Amino acid sequence: MNKKRQKDPIPDTDDREVIAEFWDTHSIADYLDELTVVDPKDV
């Protein structure tokens, strides 16, 4: 996988449809370095 390719920014919105559509077309694995993984029991 090419790490230097330009990634689309994660949509900064509360619109679940926009976010769902984004993740339908992007790999979460490509964004793991930008995402904060939270243990569900801490929420």
Protein backbone atom coordinates (compact mmCIF):
# COMPACT_ATOMS: atom_id res chain seq x y z
CA MET A 1 0.00 0.00 0.00
CA ASN A 2 1.29 3.44 -0.89
CA LYS A 3 1.39 5.61 2.24
CA LYS A 4 2.21 8.79 0.29
CA ARG A 5 -1.06 8.92 -1.63
CA GLN A 6 -3.37 11.80 -0.75
CA LYS A 7 -6.20 10.76 1.55
CA ASP A 8 -9.59 12.41 1.53
CA PRO A 9 -10.26 14.16 4.83
CA ILE A 10 -12.74 12.47 7.13
CA PRO A 11 -16.00 14.47 6.89
CA ASP A 12 -16.35 16.84 9.84
CA THR A 13 -20.10 16.52 10.22
CA ASP A 14 -22.71 14.97 12.47
CA ASP A 15 -24.69 13.83 9.41
CA ARG A 16 -24.61 10.05 9.74
CA GLU A 17 -25.51 9.54 6.07
CA VAL A 18 -22.48 11.55 4.93
CA ILE A 19 -20.19 9.66 7.30
CA ALA A 20 -21.66 6.27 6.35
CA GLU A 21 -21.20 7.06 2.66
CA PHE A 22 -17.59 8.09 3.32
CA TRP A 23 -16.74 4.82 5.08
CA ASP A 24 -18.54 2.82 2.37
CA THR A 25 -15.95 4.11 -0.08
CA HIS A 26 -12.84 4.35 2.15
CA SER A 27 -10.86 1.83 4.15
CA ILE A 28 -10.85 2.46 7.90
CA ALA A 29 -7.41 0.82 7.99
CA ASP A 30 -6.03 3.77 5.99
CA TYR A 31 -7.18 6.16 8.71
CA LEU A 32 -6.32 4.26 11.91
CA ASP A 33 -3.46 6.68 12.62
CA GLU A 34 -5.98 9.55 12.65
CA LEU A 35 -8.79 7.87 14.55
CA THR A 36 -9.08 7.57 18.31
CA VAL A 37 -10.11 4.07 19.29
CA VAL A 38 -12.30 4.15 22.39
CA ASP A 39 -13.24 1.19 24.54
CA PRO A 40 -17.07 1.11 24.53
CA LYS A 41 -17.20 0.71 28.31
CA ASP A 42 -15.47 4.10 28.65
CA VAL A 43 -18.18 5.92 26.72
